[in-house]
C-alpha atoms as a PDB file:
ATOM      1  CA  UNK A   1     -19.798  64.167  83.251  1.00  0.00           C
ATOM      2  CA  UNK A   2     -18.614  64.357  86.926  1.00  0.00           C
ATOM      3  CA  UNK A   3     -17.259  61.079  87.920  1.00  0.00           C
ATOM      4  CA  UNK A   4     -15.741  57.848  86.405  1.00  0.00           C
ATOM      5  CA  UNK A   5     -15.458  54.822  88.479  1.00  0.00           C
ATOM      6  CA  UNK A   6     -13.666  51.688  87.319  1.00  0.00           C
ATOM      7  CA  UNK A   7     -14.688  48.635  89.255  1.00  0.00           C
ATOM      8  CA  UNK A   8     -12.282  45.888  89.593  1.00  0.00           C
ATOM      9  CA  UNK A   9     -13.855  42.420  90.023  1.00  0.00           C
ATOM     10  CA  UNK A  10     -11.153  40.817  92.245  1.00  0.00           C
ATOM     11  CA  UNK A  11      -7.740  39.357  92.118  1.00  0.00           C
ATOM     12  CA  UNK A  12      -6.320  36.668  90.176  1.00  0.00           C
ATOM     13  CA  UNK A  13      -5.096  33.426  91.931  1.00  0.00           C
ATOM     14  CA  UNK A  14      -1.401  34.343  91.393  1.00  0.00           C
ATOM     15  CA  UNK A  15      -1.816  37.682  93.101  1.00  0.00           C
ATOM     16  CA  UNK A  16      -1.977  39.905  90.014  1.00  0.00           C
ATOM     17  CA  UNK A  17      -4.983  42.146  89.778  1.00  0.00           C
ATOM     18  CA  UNK A  18      -7.304  41.414  86.890  1.00  0.00           C
ATOM     19  CA  UNK A  19      -7.913  44.217  84.540  1.00  0.00           C
ATOM     20  CA  UNK A  20     -10.937  46.235  85.435  1.00  0.00           C
ATOM     21  CA  UNK A  21     -14.271  44.902  83.769  1.00  0.00           C
ATOM     22  CA  UNK A  22     -16.892  47.493  84.584  1.00  0.00           C
ATOM     23  CA  UNK A  23     -16.695  51.286  83.951  1.00  0.00           C
ATOM     24  CA  UNK A  24     -19.370  53.507  85.577  1.00  0.00           C
ATOM     25  CA  UNK A  25     -19.703  57.130  84.605  1.00  0.00           C
ATOM     26  CA  UNK A  26     -22.167  59.404  86.582  1.00  0.00           C
ATOM     27  CA  UNK A  27     -23.586  62.185  84.426  1.00  0.00           C
ATOM     28  CA  UNK A  28     -24.584  65.425  86.296  1.00  0.00           C
ATOM     29  CA  UNK A  29     -27.998  66.817  85.105  1.00  0.00           C
ATOM     30  CA  UNK A  30     -29.890  69.797  86.377  1.00  0.00           C
ATOM     31  CA  UNK A  31     -28.778  69.604  89.923  1.00  0.00           C
ATOM     32  CA  UNK A  32     -25.731  71.783  89.170  1.00  0.00           C
ATOM     33  CA  UNK A  33     -24.626  74.665  91.454  1.00  0.00           C
ATOM     34  CA  UNK A  34     -25.265  77.287  88.668  1.00  0.00           C
ATOM     35  CA  UNK A  35     -28.976  76.098  88.445  1.00  0.00           C
ATOM     36  CA  UNK A  36     -29.389  76.253  92.166  1.00  0.00           C
ATOM     37  CA  UNK A  37     -27.880  79.776  92.175  1.00  0.00           C
ATOM     38  CA  UNK A  38     -30.087  81.184  89.304  1.00  0.00           C
ATOM     39  CA  UNK A  39     -33.180  79.579  90.727  1.00  0.00           C
ATOM     40  CA  UNK A  40     -32.563  81.231  93.991  1.00  0.00           C
ATOM     41  CA  UNK A  41     -31.802  84.594  92.487  1.00  0.00           C
ATOM     42  CA  UNK A  42     -34.878  84.631  90.181  1.00  0.00           C
ATOM     43  CA  UNK A  43     -37.053  83.506  93.069  1.00  0.00           C
ATOM     44  CA  UNK A  44     -35.932  86.274  95.215  1.00  0.00           C
ATOM     45  CA  UNK A  45     -36.122  88.967  92.571  1.00  0.00           C
ATOM     46  CA  UNK A  46     -39.450  87.862  91.326  1.00  0.00           C
ATOM     47  CA  UNK A  47     -40.958  87.806  94.740  1.00  0.00           C
ATOM     48  CA  UNK A  48     -39.704  91.387  95.436  1.00  0.00           C
ATOM     49  CA  UNK A  49     -41.322  92.598  92.124  1.00  0.00           C
ATOM     50  CA  UNK A  50     -44.629  90.798  93.049  1.00  0.00           C
ATOM     51  CA  UNK A  51     -44.629  92.150  96.518  1.00  0.00           C
ATOM     52  CA  UNK A  52     -43.826  95.723  95.157  1.00  0.00           C
ATOM     53  CA  UNK A  53     -46.915  95.411  92.830  1.00  0.00           C
ATOM     54  CA  UNK A  54     -49.198  94.240  95.653  1.00  0.00           C
ATOM     55  CA  UNK A  55     -47.900  96.914  98.007  1.00  0.00           C
ATOM     56  CA  UNK A  56     -48.712  99.610  95.420  1.00  0.00           C
ATOM     57  CA  UNK A  57     -52.263  98.285  95.050  1.00  0.00           C
ATOM     58  CA  UNK A  58     -52.973  97.813  98.725  1.00  0.00           C
ATOM     59  CA  UNK A  59     -50.967 100.651  99.907  1.00  0.00           C
ATOM     60  CA  UNK A  60     -49.461  98.564 102.666  1.00  0.00           C
ATOM     61  CA  UNK A  61     -45.511  98.163 102.679  1.00  0.00           C
ATOM     62  CA  UNK A  62     -44.721  94.448 102.281  1.00  0.00           C
ATOM     63  CA  UNK A  63     -41.102  94.969 101.670  1.00  0.00           C
ATOM     64  CA  UNK A  64     -38.177  95.463 104.189  1.00  0.00           C
ATOM     65  CA  UNK A  65     -35.842  97.384 101.991  1.00  0.00           C
ATOM     66  CA  UNK A  66     -37.991 100.036 100.377  1.00  0.00           C
ATOM     67  CA  UNK A  67     -41.425 101.587 100.318  1.00  0.00           C
ATOM     68  CA  UNK A  68     -43.397 100.759  97.183  1.00  0.00           C
ATOM     69  CA  UNK A  69     -46.631 102.184  98.475  1.00  0.00           C
ATOM     70  CA  UNK A  70     -45.614 105.507  96.793  1.00  0.00           C
ATOM     71  CA  UNK A  71     -45.888 103.843  93.402  1.00  0.00           C
ATOM     72  CA  UNK A  72     -49.035 104.383  91.310  1.00  0.00           C
ATOM     73  CA  UNK A  73     -50.605 101.098  90.775  1.00  0.00           C
ATOM     74  CA  UNK A  74     -51.331 101.739  87.119  1.00  0.00           C
ATOM     75  CA  UNK A  75     -49.017 101.369  85.231  1.00  0.00           C
ATOM     76  CA  UNK A  76     -45.965 100.820  87.670  1.00  0.00           C
ATOM     77  CA  UNK A  77     -47.350  98.644  90.183  1.00  0.00           C
ATOM     78  CA  UNK A  78     -49.300  96.544  87.569  1.00  0.00           C
ATOM     79  CA  UNK A  79     -46.090  96.113  85.402  1.00  0.00           C
ATOM     80  CA  UNK A  80     -44.019  95.217  88.541  1.00  0.00           C
ATOM     81  CA  UNK A  81     -46.599  92.591  89.572  1.00  0.00           C
ATOM     82  CA  UNK A  82     -46.551  91.093  85.998  1.00  0.00           C
ATOM     83  CA  UNK A  83     -42.690  91.059  85.999  1.00  0.00           C
ATOM     84  CA  UNK A  84     -42.912  89.305  89.465  1.00  0.00           C
ATOM     85  CA  UNK A  85     -45.409  86.773  88.156  1.00  0.00           C
ATOM     86  CA  UNK A  86     -43.419  85.990  85.102  1.00  0.00           C
ATOM     87  CA  UNK A  87     -40.259  85.558  87.234  1.00  0.00           C
ATOM     88  CA  UNK A  88     -41.984  83.208  89.632  1.00  0.00           C
ATOM     89  CA  UNK A  89     -43.143  81.126  86.672  1.00  0.00           C
ATOM     90  CA  UNK A  90     -39.482  80.991  85.463  1.00  0.00           C
ATOM     91  CA  UNK A  91     -38.305  80.209  88.994  1.00  0.00           C
ATOM     92  CA  UNK A  92     -40.869  77.337  89.286  1.00  0.00           C
ATOM     93  CA  UNK A  93     -39.636  75.917  85.988  1.00  0.00           C
ATOM     94  CA  UNK A  94     -35.991  75.991  87.216  1.00  0.00           C
ATOM     95  CA  UNK A  95     -36.810  74.359  90.603  1.00  0.00           C
ATOM     96  CA  UNK A  96     -38.870  71.597  88.851  1.00  0.00           C
ATOM     97  CA  UNK A  97     -35.823  70.977  86.593  1.00  0.00           C
ATOM     98  CA  UNK A  98     -33.670  70.530  89.680  1.00  0.00           C
ATOM     99  CA  UNK A  99     -36.343  68.464  91.338  1.00  0.00           C
ATOM    100  CA  UNK A 100     -36.723  66.161  88.363  1.00  0.00           C
ATOM    101  CA  UNK A 101     -32.841  66.264  87.758  1.00  0.00           C
ATOM    102  CA  UNK A 102     -33.373  66.441  83.914  1.00  0.00           C
ATOM    103  CA  UNK A 103     -30.370  65.105  81.993  1.00  0.00           C
ATOM    104  CA  UNK A 104     -28.927  63.389  85.113  1.00  0.00           C
ATOM    105  CA  UNK A 105     -28.045  59.693  84.777  1.00  0.00           C
ATOM    106  CA  UNK A 106     -25.102  57.290  84.135  1.00  0.00           C
ATOM    107  CA  UNK A 107     -23.166  55.389  81.553  1.00  0.00           C
ATOM    108  CA  UNK A 108     -22.444  51.696  82.365  1.00  0.00           C
ATOM    109  CA  UNK A 109     -19.868  49.772  80.327  1.00  0.00           C
ATOM    110  CA  UNK A 110     -19.592  46.118  81.334  1.00  0.00           C
ATOM    111  CA  UNK A 111     -16.875  43.912  79.631  1.00  0.00           C
ATOM    112  CA  UNK A 112     -18.021  40.743  81.548  1.00  0.00           C
ATOM    113  CA  UNK A 113     -21.602  40.781  80.039  1.00  0.00           C
ATOM    114  CA  UNK A 114     -20.504  42.703  76.917  1.00  0.00           C
ATOM    115  CA  UNK A 115     -23.329  45.279  77.475  1.00  0.00           C
ATOM    116  CA  UNK A 116     -23.504  49.036  77.559  1.00  0.00           C
ATOM    117  CA  UNK A 117     -26.333  50.971  79.207  1.00  0.00           C
ATOM    118  CA  UNK A 118     -26.879  54.673  78.877  1.00  0.00           C
ATOM    119  CA  UNK A 119     -29.419  56.085  81.218  1.00  0.00           C
ATOM    120  CA  UNK A 120     -30.781  59.632  81.525  1.00  0.00           C
ATOM    121  CA  UNK A 121     -33.774  61.135  83.387  1.00  0.00           C
ATOM    122  CA  UNK A 122     -36.136  63.308  81.087  1.00  0.00           C
ATOM    123  CA  UNK A 123     -39.274  65.369  81.792  1.00  0.00           C
ATOM    124  CA  UNK A 124     -42.192  63.503  83.500  1.00  0.00           C
ATOM    125  CA  UNK A 125     -44.300  61.499  81.133  1.00  0.00           C
ATOM    126  CA  UNK A 126     -43.981  58.294  79.105  1.00  0.00           C
ATOM    127  CA  UNK A 127     -40.292  59.190  78.236  1.00  0.00           C
ATOM    128  CA  UNK A 128     -39.190  60.019  81.791  1.00  0.00           C
ATOM    129  CA  UNK A 129     -36.710  57.151  81.843  1.00  0.00           C
ATOM    130  CA  UNK A 130     -34.449  57.363  78.821  1.00  0.00           C
ATOM    131  CA  UNK A 131     -32.451  53.993  78.376  1.00  0.00           C
ATOM    132  CA  UNK A 132     -30.249  53.007  75.566  1.00  0.00           C
ATOM    133  CA  UNK A 133     -28.811  49.350  75.651  1.00  0.00           C
ATOM    134  CA  UNK A 134     -26.250  48.163  73.299  1.00  0.00           C
ATOM    135  CA  UNK A 135     -23.281  45.590  73.060  1.00  0.00           C
ATOM    136  CA  UNK A 136     -19.599  46.512  73.482  1.00  0.00           C
ATOM    137  CA  UNK A 137     -18.772  44.535  70.023  1.00  0.00           C
ATOM    138  CA  UNK A 138     -20.961  47.032  68.211  1.00  0.00           C
ATOM    139  CA  UNK A 139     -19.027  50.012  69.279  1.00  0.00           C
ATOM    140  CA  UNK A 140     -16.827  51.415  66.382  1.00  0.00           C
ATOM    141  CA  UNK A 141     -15.207  54.299  68.130  1.00  0.00           C
ATOM    142  CA  UNK A 142     -15.516  57.077  70.793  1.00  0.00           C
ATOM    143  CA  UNK A 143     -15.809  60.418  69.079  1.00  0.00           C
ATOM    144  CA  UNK A 144     -15.007  63.796  70.464  1.00  0.00           C
ATOM    145  CA  UNK A 145     -16.925  66.749  69.201  1.00  0.00           C
ATOM    146  CA  UNK A 146     -15.496  70.298  69.804  1.00  0.00           C
ATOM    147  CA  UNK A 147     -17.044  73.494  68.516  1.00  0.00           C
ATOM    148  CA  UNK A 148     -15.672  76.814  69.801  1.00  0.00           C
ATOM    149  CA  UNK A 149     -17.187  80.258  69.485  1.00  0.00           C
ATOM    150  CA  UNK A 150     -20.164  82.037  71.065  1.00  0.00           C
ATOM    151  CA  UNK A 151     -21.911  78.891  71.912  1.00  0.00           C
ATOM    152  CA  UNK A 152     -19.190  76.321  72.501  1.00  0.00           C
ATOM    153  CA  UNK A 153     -19.889  72.634  72.484  1.00  0.00           C
ATOM    154  CA  UNK A 154     -17.589  70.031  73.925  1.00  0.00           C
ATOM    155  CA  UNK A 155     -18.956  66.455  73.869  1.00  0.00           C
ATOM    156  CA  UNK A 156     -18.218  62.835  73.835  1.00  0.00           C
ATOM    157  CA  UNK A 157     -20.206  60.391  71.507  1.00  0.00           C
ATOM    158  CA  UNK A 158     -20.172  56.702  71.178  1.00  0.00           C
ATOM    159  CA  UNK A 159     -20.313  55.608  67.596  1.00  0.00           C
ATOM    160  CA  UNK A 160     -22.292  52.299  67.357  1.00  0.00           C
ATOM    161  CA  UNK A 161     -23.110  50.127  64.315  1.00  0.00           C
ATOM    162  CA  UNK A 162     -26.623  50.737  62.945  1.00  0.00           C
ATOM    163  CA  UNK A 163     -27.394  53.588  65.172  1.00  0.00           C
ATOM    164  CA  UNK A 164     -26.894  57.362  65.501  1.00  0.00           C
ATOM    165  CA  UNK A 165     -23.961  58.589  67.605  1.00  0.00           C
ATOM    166  CA  UNK A 166     -24.981  58.313  71.156  1.00  0.00           C
ATOM    167  CA  UNK A 167     -24.124  61.377  73.516  1.00  0.00           C
ATOM    168  CA  UNK A 168     -22.322  60.515  76.694  1.00  0.00           C
ATOM    169  CA  UNK A 169     -21.647  63.787  78.226  1.00  0.00           C
ATOM    170  CA  UNK A 170     -23.818  66.257  80.121  1.00  0.00           C
ATOM    171  CA  UNK A 171     -25.889  68.936  78.364  1.00  0.00           C
ATOM    172  CA  UNK A 172     -25.449  72.597  79.054  1.00  0.00           C
ATOM    173  CA  UNK A 173     -22.094  73.536  80.523  1.00  0.00           C
ATOM    174  CA  UNK A 174     -19.381  72.160  78.424  1.00  0.00           C
ATOM    175  CA  UNK A 175     -16.436  70.132  79.785  1.00  0.00           C
ATOM    176  CA  UNK A 176     -12.982  71.525  79.916  1.00  0.00           C
ATOM    177  CA  UNK A 177     -10.782  70.178  77.104  1.00  0.00           C
ATOM    178  CA  UNK A 178      -8.536  68.302  79.512  1.00  0.00           C
ATOM    179  CA  UNK A 179     -11.429  66.563  81.178  1.00  0.00           C
ATOM    180  CA  UNK A 180     -12.909  65.804  77.792  1.00  0.00           C
ATOM    181  CA  UNK A 181      -9.618  64.252  76.440  1.00  0.00           C
ATOM    182  CA  UNK A 182      -8.989  62.257  79.645  1.00  0.00           C
ATOM    183  CA  UNK A 183     -12.429  60.831  79.818  1.00  0.00           C
ATOM    184  CA  UNK A 184     -12.503  60.046  76.032  1.00  0.00           C
ATOM    185  CA  UNK A 185      -9.113  58.391  76.115  1.00  0.00           C
ATOM    186  CA  UNK A 186     -10.034  56.455  79.171  1.00  0.00           C
ATOM    187  CA  UNK A 187     -13.246  55.128  77.596  1.00  0.00           C
ATOM    188  CA  UNK A 188     -11.575  54.367  74.228  1.00  0.00           C
ATOM    189  CA  UNK A 189      -8.827  52.412  76.110  1.00  0.00           C
ATOM    190  CA  UNK A 190     -11.502  50.509  78.225  1.00  0.00           C
ATOM    191  CA  UNK A 191     -13.609  49.455  75.155  1.00  0.00           C
ATOM    192  CA  UNK A 192     -10.422  48.851  72.899  1.00  0.00           C
ATOM    193  CA  UNK A 193     -11.666  51.203  70.178  1.00  0.00           C
ATOM    194  CA  UNK A 194     -10.144  54.127  68.478  1.00  0.00           C
ATOM    195  CA  UNK A 195     -10.619  57.698  69.636  1.00  0.00           C
ATOM    196  CA  UNK A 196     -11.764  60.134  66.970  1.00  0.00           C
ATOM    197  CA  UNK A 197     -11.911  63.804  66.697  1.00  0.00           C
ATOM    198  CA  UNK A 198      -8.504  64.919  68.130  1.00  0.00           C
END
């Protein structure tokens, strides 16, 4: 989760500000700096391997930094070409994830209408748009899930009557504990429900 915006719907007639009635949280998907970084690195490395394999086959130097024409095509050039092809396929997957912004979206909590909307982008197909609508009166609590170790997980969930817990935070890179607690407390206070898991 990257940003929370509380929208205040105006001032009361006596000059006091009304309590905010809409909470909008943007959720960062695949368009993270780390994904751009790895997609760029994999693309450059895979292109180098593929060009080295082609250079060893054609005996023409296609690289600026080294001369792969001295490599024997079978097996060295062939293996480098296969590594390059596999790397470019991985890079294509990473760039498509960034282009489609898989996992990106928002959480909208509206006290005026009593509605909650959770929206995420998925992979292309019939489930590209993932939307969950529910009502604020059905919310039982906001739950913090923390699992430390080799594969840490730090996430916020919305516990709703008659449904499985709804995840509210981004997938992948876990949030810091301070950010998780602050966001969870803000949301629980906004929805007037308890905060669980601390």
